[in-house]
Amino acid sequence: LPGYDWMGVYKTALESIAQYLALYLGPSGVRVNLVAAGPV
């Protein structure tokens, strides 16, 4: 997204982190998900 720049990189990283958290916290019953919001 033009102008979003490094924030776009951070959000992509956030999605990967959420997946790994889901992997490692799932056995303890903790779930991890994200909401991709439109511009507010």
PDB file of all heavy atoms in Angstrom:
ATOM      1  N   LEU A   1       0.835  -1.184   0.000  1.00  0.00           N
ATOM      2  CA  LEU A   1       0.000   0.000   0.000  1.00  0.00           C
ATOM      3  C   LEU A   1       0.881   1.249   0.000  1.00  0.00           C
ATOM      4  O   LEU A   1       1.668   1.445   0.933  1.00  0.00           O
ATOM      5  CB  LEU A   1      -0.910   0.014   1.230  1.00  0.00           C
ATOM      6  CG  LEU A   1      -1.868  -1.173   1.383  1.00  0.00           C
ATOM      7  CD1 LEU A   1      -2.619  -1.076   2.693  1.00  0.00           C
ATOM      8  CD2 LEU A   1      -2.829  -1.221   0.202  1.00  0.00           C
ATOM      9  N   PRO A   2       0.792   2.083  -1.012  1.00  0.00           N
ATOM     10  CA  PRO A   2       1.618   3.300  -1.057  1.00  0.00           C
ATOM     11  C   PRO A   2       1.434   4.140   0.209  1.00  0.00           C
ATOM     12  O   PRO A   2       0.310   4.370   0.660  1.00  0.00           O
ATOM     13  CB  PRO A   2       1.077   4.047  -2.287  1.00  0.00           C
ATOM     14  CG  PRO A   2       0.492   2.971  -3.156  1.00  0.00           C
ATOM     15  CD  PRO A   2      -0.088   1.965  -2.198  1.00  0.00           C
ATOM     16  N   GLY A   3       2.560   4.553   0.789  1.00  0.00           N
ATOM     17  CA  GLY A   3       2.521   5.378   1.986  1.00  0.00           C
ATOM     18  C   GLY A   3       2.469   4.597   3.282  1.00  0.00           C
ATOM     19  O   GLY A   3       2.819   5.120   4.337  1.00  0.00           O
ATOM     20  N   TYR A   4       2.023   3.333   3.209  1.00  0.00           N
ATOM     21  CA  TYR A   4       1.930   2.512   4.414  1.00  0.00           C
ATOM     22  C   TYR A   4       3.296   1.962   4.795  1.00  0.00           C
ATOM     23  O   TYR A   4       3.579   1.716   5.960  1.00  0.00           O
ATOM     24  CB  TYR A   4       0.926   1.382   4.178  1.00  0.00           C
ATOM     25  CG  TYR A   4       0.208   0.918   5.420  1.00  0.00           C
ATOM     26  CD1 TYR A   4      -0.501   1.809   6.212  1.00  0.00           C
ATOM     27  CD2 TYR A   4       0.233  -0.422   5.794  1.00  0.00           C
ATOM     28  CE1 TYR A   4      -1.164   1.387   7.346  1.00  0.00           C
ATOM     29  CE2 TYR A   4      -0.430  -0.861   6.926  1.00  0.00           C
ATOM     30  CZ  TYR A   4      -1.125   0.041   7.696  1.00  0.00           C
ATOM     31  OH  TYR A   4      -1.778  -0.391   8.817  1.00  0.00           O
ATOM     32  N   ASP A   5       4.096   1.695   3.796  1.00  0.00           N
ATOM     33  CA  ASP A   5       5.512   1.384   3.934  1.00  0.00           C
ATOM     34  C   ASP A   5       5.826   0.352   5.027  1.00  0.00           C
ATOM     35  O   ASP A   5       5.327  -0.756   4.996  1.00  0.00           O
ATOM     36  CB  ASP A   5       6.301   2.679   4.129  1.00  0.00           C
ATOM     37  CG  ASP A   5       6.303   3.533   2.865  1.00  0.00           C
ATOM     38  OD1 ASP A   5       5.556   3.195   1.936  1.00  0.00           O
ATOM     39  OD2 ASP A   5       7.040   4.532   2.802  1.00  0.00           O
ATOM     40  N   TRP A   6       6.638   0.731   6.022  1.00  0.00           N
ATOM     41  CA  TRP A   6       7.087  -0.257   7.006  1.00  0.00           C
ATOM     42  C   TRP A   6       5.954  -0.777   7.874  1.00  0.00           C
ATOM     43  O   TRP A   6       6.039  -1.892   8.397  1.00  0.00           O
ATOM     44  CB  TRP A   6       8.207   0.337   7.872  1.00  0.00           C
ATOM     45  CG  TRP A   6       9.510   0.308   7.137  1.00  0.00           C
ATOM     46  CD1 TRP A   6      10.065   1.312   6.400  1.00  0.00           C
ATOM     47  CD2 TRP A   6      10.383  -0.808   7.015  1.00  0.00           C
ATOM     48  NE1 TRP A   6      11.227   0.891   5.825  1.00  0.00           N
ATOM     49  CE2 TRP A   6      11.459  -0.395   6.187  1.00  0.00           C
ATOM     50  CE3 TRP A   6      10.377  -2.096   7.531  1.00  0.00           C
ATOM     51  CZ2 TRP A   6      12.515  -1.255   5.860  1.00  0.00           C
ATOM     52  CZ3 TRP A   6      11.427  -2.952   7.207  1.00  0.00           C
ATOM     53  CH2 TRP A   6      12.476  -2.533   6.387  1.00  0.00           C
ATOM     54  N   MET A   7       4.869  -0.010   8.010  1.00  0.00           N
ATOM     55  CA  MET A   7       3.737  -0.532   8.764  1.00  0.00           C
ATOM     56  C   MET A   7       3.173  -1.767   8.073  1.00  0.00           C
ATOM     57  O   MET A   7       2.727  -2.715   8.734  1.00  0.00           O
ATOM     58  CB  MET A   7       2.652   0.535   8.932  1.00  0.00           C
ATOM     59  CG  MET A   7       1.482   0.083   9.810  1.00  0.00           C
ATOM     60  SD  MET A   7       1.974  -0.385  11.497  1.00  0.00           S
ATOM     61  CE  MET A   7       2.269   1.255  12.181  1.00  0.00           C
ATOM     62  N   GLY A   8       3.200  -1.783   6.748  1.00  0.00           N
ATOM     63  CA  GLY A   8       2.781  -2.974   6.026  1.00  0.00           C
ATOM     64  C   GLY A   8       3.670  -4.162   6.331  1.00  0.00           C
ATOM     65  O   GLY A   8       3.194  -5.297   6.462  1.00  0.00           O
ATOM     66  N   VAL A   9       4.966  -3.900   6.471  1.00  0.00           N
ATOM     67  CA  VAL A   9       5.900  -4.964   6.841  1.00  0.00           C
ATOM     68  C   VAL A   9       5.596  -5.472   8.250  1.00  0.00           C
ATOM     69  O   VAL A   9       5.581  -6.687   8.506  1.00  0.00           O
ATOM     70  CB  VAL A   9       7.351  -4.453   6.760  1.00  0.00           C
ATOM     71  CG1 VAL A   9       8.331  -5.518   7.233  1.00  0.00           C
ATOM     72  CG2 VAL A   9       7.683  -4.021   5.332  1.00  0.00           C
ATOM     73  N   TYR A  10       5.328  -4.540   9.156  1.00  0.00           N
ATOM     74  CA  TYR A  10       5.033  -4.941  10.534  1.00  0.00           C
ATOM     75  C   TYR A  10       3.773  -5.794  10.602  1.00  0.00           C
ATOM     76  O   TYR A  10       3.705  -6.775  11.348  1.00  0.00           O
ATOM     77  CB  TYR A  10       4.848  -3.708  11.432  1.00  0.00           C
ATOM     78  CG  TYR A  10       5.996  -2.742  11.437  1.00  0.00           C
ATOM     79  CD1 TYR A  10       5.772  -1.374  11.622  1.00  0.00           C
ATOM     80  CD2 TYR A  10       7.306  -3.170  11.246  1.00  0.00           C
ATOM     81  CE1 TYR A  10       6.822  -0.472  11.634  1.00  0.00           C
ATOM     82  CE2 TYR A  10       8.356  -2.272  11.249  1.00  0.00           C
ATOM     83  CZ  TYR A  10       8.108  -0.921  11.437  1.00  0.00           C
ATOM     84  OH  TYR A  10       9.140  -0.031  11.432  1.00  0.00           O
ATOM     85  N   LYS A  11       2.749  -5.419   9.841  1.00  0.00           N
ATOM     86  CA  LYS A  11       1.500  -6.174   9.869  1.00  0.00           C
ATOM     87  C   LYS A  11       1.689  -7.570   9.267  1.00  0.00           C
ATOM     88  O   LYS A  11       1.084  -8.541   9.737  1.00  0.00           O
ATOM     89  CB  LYS A  11       0.405  -5.419   9.118  1.00  0.00           C
ATOM     90  CG  LYS A  11      -0.040  -4.126   9.799  1.00  0.00           C
ATOM     91  CD  LYS A  11      -0.600  -4.374  11.187  1.00  0.00           C
ATOM     92  CE  LYS A  11      -1.212  -3.108  11.788  1.00  0.00           C
ATOM     93  NZ  LYS A  11      -1.735  -3.333  13.160  1.00  0.00           N
ATOM     94  N   THR A  12       2.523  -7.675   8.241  1.00  0.00           N
ATOM     95  CA  THR A  12       2.830  -8.993   7.688  1.00  0.00           C
ATOM     96  C   THR A  12       3.542  -9.846   8.728  1.00  0.00           C
ATOM     97  O   THR A  12       3.241 -11.038   8.895  1.00  0.00           O
ATOM     98  CB  THR A  12       3.701  -8.850   6.432  1.00  0.00           C
ATOM     99  OG1 THR A  12       3.010  -8.044   5.465  1.00  0.00           O
ATOM    100  CG2 THR A  12       3.995 -10.206   5.816  1.00  0.00           C
ATOM    101  N   ALA A  13       4.492  -9.242   9.439  1.00  0.00           N
ATOM    102  CA  ALA A  13       5.192  -9.959  10.505  1.00  0.00           C
ATOM    103  C   ALA A  13       4.227 -10.342  11.626  1.00  0.00           C
ATOM    104  O   ALA A  13       4.322 -11.439  12.191  1.00  0.00           O
ATOM    105  CB  ALA A  13       6.320  -9.086  11.061  1.00  0.00           C
ATOM    106  N   LEU A  14       3.297  -9.448  11.930  1.00  0.00           N
ATOM    107  CA  LEU A  14       2.313  -9.726  12.980  1.00  0.00           C
ATOM    108  C   LEU A  14       1.518 -10.986  12.648  1.00  0.00           C
ATOM    109  O   LEU A  14       1.252 -11.813  13.535  1.00  0.00           O
ATOM    110  CB  LEU A  14       1.372  -8.538  13.127  1.00  0.00           C
ATOM    111  CG  LEU A  14       0.351  -8.606  14.265  1.00  0.00           C
ATOM    112  CD1 LEU A  14       1.035  -8.359  15.608  1.00  0.00           C
ATOM    113  CD2 LEU A  14      -0.764  -7.577  14.060  1.00  0.00           C
ATOM    114  N   GLU A  15       1.155 -11.163  11.389  1.00  0.00           N
ATOM    115  CA  GLU A  15       0.387 -12.337  10.990  1.00  0.00           C
ATOM    116  C   GLU A  15       1.200 -13.614  11.181  1.00  0.00           C
ATOM    117  O   GLU A  15       0.677 -14.641  11.631  1.00  0.00           O
ATOM    118  CB  GLU A  15      -0.076 -12.189   9.544  1.00  0.00           C
ATOM    119  CG  GLU A  15      -1.096 -11.072   9.369  1.00  0.00           C
ATOM    120  CD  GLU A  15      -1.584 -10.928   7.944  1.00  0.00           C
ATOM    121  OE1 GLU A  15      -1.366 -11.865   7.133  1.00  0.00           O
ATOM    122  OE2 GLU A  15      -2.191  -9.888   7.633  1.00  0.00           O
ATOM    123  N   SER A  16       2.478 -13.562  10.857  1.00  0.00           N
ATOM    124  CA  SER A  16       3.329 -14.731  11.059  1.00  0.00           C
ATOM    125  C   SER A  16       3.503 -15.036  12.539  1.00  0.00           C
ATOM    126  O   SER A  16       3.447 -16.196  12.967  1.00  0.00           O
ATOM    127  CB  SER A  16       4.696 -14.495  10.409  1.00  0.00           C
ATOM    128  OG  SER A  16       5.509 -15.653  10.506  1.00  0.00           O
ATOM    129  N   ILE A  17       3.696 -13.993  13.337  1.00  0.00           N
ATOM    130  CA  ILE A  17       3.820 -14.181  14.792  1.00  0.00           C
ATOM    131  C   ILE A  17       2.555 -14.802  15.358  1.00  0.00           C
ATOM    132  O   ILE A  17       2.623 -15.709  16.203  1.00  0.00           O
ATOM    133  CB  ILE A  17       4.129 -12.833  15.469  1.00  0.00           C
ATOM    134  CG1 ILE A  17       5.551 -12.385  15.120  1.00  0.00           C
ATOM    135  CG2 ILE A  17       3.963 -12.930  16.988  1.00  0.00           C
ATOM    136  CD1 ILE A  17       5.871 -10.961  15.517  1.00  0.00           C
ATOM    137  N   ALA A  18       1.397 -14.355  14.893  1.00  0.00           N
ATOM    138  CA  ALA A  18       0.136 -14.924  15.372  1.00  0.00           C
ATOM    139  C   ALA A  18       0.039 -16.409  15.038  1.00  0.00           C
ATOM    140  O   ALA A  18      -0.464 -17.210  15.851  1.00  0.00           O
ATOM    141  CB  ALA A  18      -1.040 -14.168  14.758  1.00  0.00           C
ATOM    142  N   GLN A  19       0.512 -16.804  13.868  1.00  0.00           N
ATOM    143  CA  GLN A  19       0.476 -18.217  13.493  1.00  0.00           C
ATOM    144  C   GLN A  19       1.366 -19.057  14.406  1.00  0.00           C
ATOM    145  O   GLN A  19       0.976 -20.150  14.841  1.00  0.00           O
ATOM    146  CB  GLN A  19       0.901 -18.386  12.036  1.00  0.00           C
ATOM    147  CG  GLN A  19      -0.119 -17.846  11.040  1.00  0.00           C
ATOM    148  CD  GLN A  19       0.367 -17.959   9.615  1.00  0.00           C
ATOM    149  OE1 GLN A  19       1.571 -17.871   9.340  1.00  0.00           O
ATOM    150  NE2 GLN A  19      -0.554 -18.153   8.690  1.00  0.00           N
ATOM    151  N   TYR A  20       2.546 -18.552  14.693  1.00  0.00           N
ATOM    152  CA  TYR A  20       3.443 -19.306  15.573  1.00  0.00           C
ATOM    153  C   TYR A  20       2.927 -19.342  17.010  1.00  0.00           C
ATOM    154  O   TYR A  20       3.069 -20.349  17.716  1.00  0.00           O
ATOM    155  CB  TYR A  20       4.859 -18.736  15.510  1.00  0.00           C
ATOM    156  CG  TYR A  20       5.634 -19.268  14.325  1.00  0.00           C
ATOM    157  CD1 TYR A  20       5.705 -18.558  13.142  1.00  0.00           C
ATOM    158  CD2 TYR A  20       6.260 -20.515  14.388  1.00  0.00           C
ATOM    159  CE1 TYR A  20       6.386 -19.054  12.044  1.00  0.00           C
ATOM    160  CE2 TYR A  20       6.953 -21.022  13.304  1.00  0.00           C
ATOM    161  CZ  TYR A  20       7.015 -20.295  12.128  1.00  0.00           C
ATOM    162  OH  TYR A  20       7.682 -20.791  11.035  1.00  0.00           O
ATOM    163  N   LEU A  21       2.313 -18.258  17.448  1.00  0.00           N
ATOM    164  CA  LEU A  21       1.692 -18.275  18.772  1.00  0.00           C
ATOM    165  C   LEU A  21       0.557 -19.295  18.816  1.00  0.00           C
ATOM    166  O   LEU A  21       0.391 -20.015  19.810  1.00  0.00           O
ATOM    167  CB  LEU A  21       1.164 -16.885  19.123  1.00  0.00           C
ATOM    168  CG  LEU A  21       2.216 -15.825  19.461  1.00  0.00           C
ATOM    169  CD1 LEU A  21       1.567 -14.457  19.582  1.00  0.00           C
ATOM    170  CD2 LEU A  21       2.956 -16.183  20.743  1.00  0.00           C
ATOM    171  N   ALA A  22      -0.224 -19.361  17.739  1.00  0.00           N
ATOM    172  CA  ALA A  22      -1.302 -20.351  17.673  1.00  0.00           C
ATOM    173  C   ALA A  22      -0.730 -21.758  17.786  1.00  0.00           C
ATOM    174  O   ALA A  22      -1.307 -22.635  18.461  1.00  0.00           O
ATOM    175  CB  ALA A  22      -2.076 -20.190  16.362  1.00  0.00           C
ATOM    176  N   LEU A  23       0.409 -21.988  17.146  1.00  0.00           N
ATOM    177  CA  LEU A  23       1.052 -23.302  17.200  1.00  0.00           C
ATOM    178  C   LEU A  23       1.488 -23.668  18.607  1.00  0.00           C
ATOM    179  O   LEU A  23       1.211 -24.769  19.101  1.00  0.00           O
ATOM    180  CB  LEU A  23       2.267 -23.294  16.256  1.00  0.00           C
ATOM    181  CG  LEU A  23       3.191 -24.521  16.333  1.00  0.00           C
ATOM    182  CD1 LEU A  23       2.459 -25.760  15.831  1.00  0.00           C
ATOM    183  CD2 LEU A  23       4.461 -24.265  15.515  1.00  0.00           C
ATOM    184  N   TYR A  24       2.143 -22.743  19.282  1.00  0.00           N
ATOM    185  CA  TYR A  24       2.749 -23.062  20.578  1.00  0.00           C
ATOM    186  C   TYR A  24       1.800 -22.902  21.760  1.00  0.00           C
ATOM    187  O   TYR A  24       2.012 -23.521  22.808  1.00  0.00           O
ATOM    188  CB  TYR A  24       3.999 -22.204  20.786  1.00  0.00           C
ATOM    189  CG  TYR A  24       5.141 -22.629  19.891  1.00  0.00           C
ATOM    190  CD1 TYR A  24       5.590 -21.803  18.861  1.00  0.00           C
ATOM    191  CD2 TYR A  24       5.758 -23.867  20.052  1.00  0.00           C
ATOM    192  CE1 TYR A  24       6.619 -22.196  18.024  1.00  0.00           C
ATOM    193  CE2 TYR A  24       6.791 -24.270  19.224  1.00  0.00           C
ATOM    194  CZ  TYR A  24       7.223 -23.436  18.213  1.00  0.00           C
ATOM    195  OH  TYR A  24       8.232 -23.836  17.389  1.00  0.00           O
ATOM    196  N   LEU A  25       0.756 -22.074  21.611  1.00  0.00           N
ATOM    197  CA  LEU A  25      -0.183 -21.893  22.725  1.00  0.00           C
ATOM    198  C   LEU A  25      -1.418 -22.773  22.592  1.00  0.00           C
ATOM    199  O   LEU A  25      -2.154 -22.946  23.559  1.00  0.00           O
ATOM    200  CB  LEU A  25      -0.611 -20.416  22.805  1.00  0.00           C
ATOM    201  CG  LEU A  25       0.486 -19.410  23.147  1.00  0.00           C
ATOM    202  CD1 LEU A  25      -0.091 -17.999  23.215  1.00  0.00           C
ATOM    203  CD2 LEU A  25       1.170 -19.767  24.460  1.00  0.00           C
ATOM    204  N   GLY A  26      -1.651 -23.307  21.412  1.00  0.00           N
ATOM    205  CA  GLY A  26      -2.814 -24.160  21.200  1.00  0.00           C
ATOM    206  C   GLY A  26      -2.922 -25.321  22.185  1.00  0.00           C
ATOM    207  O   GLY A  26      -4.010 -25.579  22.716  1.00  0.00           O
ATOM    208  N   PRO A  27      -1.834 -26.048  22.461  1.00  0.00           N
ATOM    209  CA  PRO A  27      -1.928 -27.173  23.404  1.00  0.00           C
ATOM    210  C   PRO A  27      -2.412 -26.775  24.798  1.00  0.00           C
ATOM    211  O   PRO A  27      -2.943 -27.611  25.528  1.00  0.00           O
ATOM    212  CB  PRO A  27      -0.490 -27.708  23.441  1.00  0.00           C
ATOM    213  CG  PRO A  27       0.065 -27.364  22.089  1.00  0.00           C
ATOM    214  CD  PRO A  27      -0.525 -26.009  21.777  1.00  0.00           C
ATOM    215  N   SER A  28      -2.236 -25.498  25.184  1.00  0.00           N
ATOM    216  CA  SER A  28      -2.717 -25.042  26.489  1.00  0.00           C
ATOM    217  C   SER A  28      -4.128 -24.467  26.404  1.00  0.00           C
ATOM    218  O   SER A  28      -4.655 -23.963  27.399  1.00  0.00           O
ATOM    219  CB  SER A  28      -1.764 -23.990  27.067  1.00  0.00           C
ATOM    220  OG  SER A  28      -1.729 -22.835  26.251  1.00  0.00           O
ATOM    221  N   GLY A  29      -4.735 -24.537  25.203  1.00  0.00           N
ATOM    222  CA  GLY A  29      -6.108 -24.081  25.041  1.00  0.00           C
ATOM    223  C   GLY A  29      -6.253 -22.617  24.681  1.00  0.00           C
ATOM    224  O   GLY A  29      -7.371 -22.105  24.613  1.00  0.00           O
ATOM    225  N   VAL A  30      -5.130 -21.937  24.436  1.00  0.00           N
ATOM    226  CA  VAL A  30      -5.169 -20.517  24.094  1.00  0.00           C
ATOM    227  C   VAL A  30      -5.125 -20.364  22.569  1.00  0.00           C
ATOM    228  O   VAL A  30      -4.249 -20.929  21.910  1.00  0.00           O
ATOM    229  CB  VAL A  30      -3.989 -19.756  24.724  1.00  0.00           C
ATOM    230  CG1 VAL A  30      -4.016 -18.288  24.314  1.00  0.00           C
ATOM    231  CG2 VAL A  30      -4.028 -19.889  26.246  1.00  0.00           C
ATOM    232  N   ARG A  31      -6.069 -19.626  22.016  1.00  0.00           N
ATOM    233  CA  ARG A  31      -6.125 -19.418  20.573  1.00  0.00           C
ATOM    234  C   ARG A  31      -5.720 -17.983  20.234  1.00  0.00           C
ATOM    235  O   ARG A  31      -5.943 -17.064  21.024  1.00  0.00           O
ATOM    236  CB  ARG A  31      -7.517 -19.728  20.044  1.00  0.00           C
ATOM    237  CG  ARG A  31      -8.636 -18.934  20.686  1.00  0.00           C
ATOM    238  CD  ARG A  31     -10.008 -19.493  20.302  1.00  0.00           C
ATOM    239  NE  ARG A  31     -11.092 -18.674  20.815  1.00  0.00           N
ATOM    240  CZ  ARG A  31     -11.625 -18.809  22.025  1.00  0.00           C
ATOM    241  NH1 ARG A  31     -11.173 -19.763  22.840  1.00  0.00           N
ATOM    242  NH2 ARG A  31     -12.611 -18.022  22.417  1.00  0.00           N
ATOM    243  N   VAL A  32      -5.173 -17.819  19.035  1.00  0.00           N
ATOM    244  CA  VAL A  32      -4.647 -16.523  18.609  1.00  0.00           C
ATOM    245  C   VAL A  32      -5.099 -16.259  17.176  1.00  0.00           C
ATOM    246  O   VAL A  32      -4.806 -17.040  16.274  1.00  0.00           O
ATOM    247  CB  VAL A  32      -3.105 -16.487  18.676  1.00  0.00           C
ATOM    248  CG1 VAL A  32      -2.588 -15.076  18.338  1.00  0.00           C
ATOM    249  CG2 VAL A  32      -2.609 -16.937  20.040  1.00  0.00           C
ATOM    250  N   ASN A  33      -5.796 -15.167  16.977  1.00  0.00           N
ATOM    251  CA  ASN A  33      -6.315 -14.798  15.659  1.00  0.00           C
ATOM    252  C   ASN A  33      -6.198 -13.297  15.452  1.00  0.00           C
ATOM    253  O   ASN A  33      -6.023 -12.533  16.408  1.00  0.00           O
ATOM    254  CB  ASN A  33      -7.787 -15.208  15.524  1.00  0.00           C
ATOM    255  CG  ASN A  33      -7.981 -16.706  15.626  1.00  0.00           C
ATOM    256  OD1 ASN A  33      -7.673 -17.450  14.700  1.00  0.00           O
ATOM    257  ND2 ASN A  33      -8.504 -17.160  16.773  1.00  0.00           N
ATOM    258  N   LEU A  34      -6.325 -12.880  14.195  1.00  0.00           N
ATOM    259  CA  LEU A  34      -6.268 -11.460  13.849  1.00  0.00           C
ATOM    260  C   LEU A  34      -7.500 -11.051  13.058  1.00  0.00           C
ATOM    261  O   LEU A  34      -8.107 -11.876  12.368  1.00  0.00           O
ATOM    262  CB  LEU A  34      -5.026 -11.164  13.009  1.00  0.00           C
ATOM    263  CG  LEU A  34      -3.665 -11.504  13.604  1.00  0.00           C
ATOM    264  CD1 LEU A  34      -2.567 -11.169  12.597  1.00  0.00           C
ATOM    265  CD2 LEU A  34      -3.415 -10.767  14.909  1.00  0.00           C
ATOM    266  N   VAL A  35      -7.835  -9.783  13.152  1.00  0.00           N
ATOM    267  CA  VAL A  35      -8.879  -9.180  12.320  1.00  0.00           C
ATOM    268  C   VAL A  35      -8.203  -8.196  11.376  1.00  0.00           C
ATOM    269  O   VAL A  35      -7.486  -7.290  11.812  1.00  0.00           O
ATOM    270  CB  VAL A  35      -9.938  -8.449  13.166  1.00  0.00           C
ATOM    271  CG1 VAL A  35     -10.881  -7.655  12.260  1.00  0.00           C
ATOM    272  CG2 VAL A  35     -10.720  -9.442  14.004  1.00  0.00           C
ATOM    273  N   ALA A  36      -8.418  -8.389  10.079  1.00  0.00           N
ATOM    274  CA  ALA A  36      -7.917  -7.452   9.074  1.00  0.00           C
ATOM    275  C   ALA A  36      -9.008  -6.429   8.797  1.00  0.00           C
ATOM    276  O   ALA A  36     -10.006  -6.734   8.146  1.00  0.00           O
ATOM    277  CB  ALA A  36      -7.530  -8.193   7.799  1.00  0.00           C
ATOM    278  N   ALA A  37      -8.810  -5.240   9.301  1.00  0.00           N
ATOM    279  CA  ALA A  37      -9.847  -4.214   9.230  1.00  0.00           C
ATOM    280  C   ALA A  37      -9.680  -3.322   8.013  1.00  0.00           C
ATOM    281  O   ALA A  37      -8.559  -3.043   7.564  1.00  0.00           O
ATOM    282  CB  ALA A  37      -9.807  -3.356  10.492  1.00  0.00           C
ATOM    283  N   GLY A  38     -10.797  -2.875   7.484  1.00  0.00           N
ATOM    284  CA  GLY A  38     -10.761  -1.821   6.479  1.00  0.00           C
ATOM    285  C   GLY A  38     -10.361  -0.511   7.134  1.00  0.00           C
ATOM    286  O   GLY A  38     -10.282  -0.406   8.366  1.00  0.00           O
ATOM    287  N   PRO A  39     -10.092   0.522   6.355  1.00  0.00           N
ATOM    288  CA  PRO A  39      -9.619   1.798   6.908  1.00  0.00           C
ATOM    289  C   PRO A  39     -10.679   2.497   7.750  1.00  0.00           C
ATOM    290  O   PRO A  39     -11.808   2.707   7.310  1.00  0.00           O
ATOM    291  CB  PRO A  39      -9.284   2.625   5.650  1.00  0.00           C
ATOM    292  CG  PRO A  39     -10.096   2.006   4.555  1.00  0.00           C
ATOM    293  CD  PRO A  39     -10.197   0.557   4.878  1.00  0.00           C
ATOM    294  N   VAL A  40     -10.308   2.819   8.988  1.00  0.00           N
ATOM    295  CA  VAL A  40     -11.197   3.497   9.928  1.00  0.00           C
ATOM    296  C   VAL A  40     -10.491   4.744  10.439  1.00  0.00           C
ATOM    297  O   VAL A  40      -9.291   4.712  10.761  1.00  0.00           O
ATOM    298  CB  VAL A  40     -11.563   2.576  11.115  1.00  0.00           C
ATOM    299  CG1 VAL A  40     -12.420   3.319  12.134  1.00  0.00           C
ATOM    300  CG2 VAL A  40     -12.289   1.329  10.616  1.00  0.00           C
TER     301      VAL A  40
END
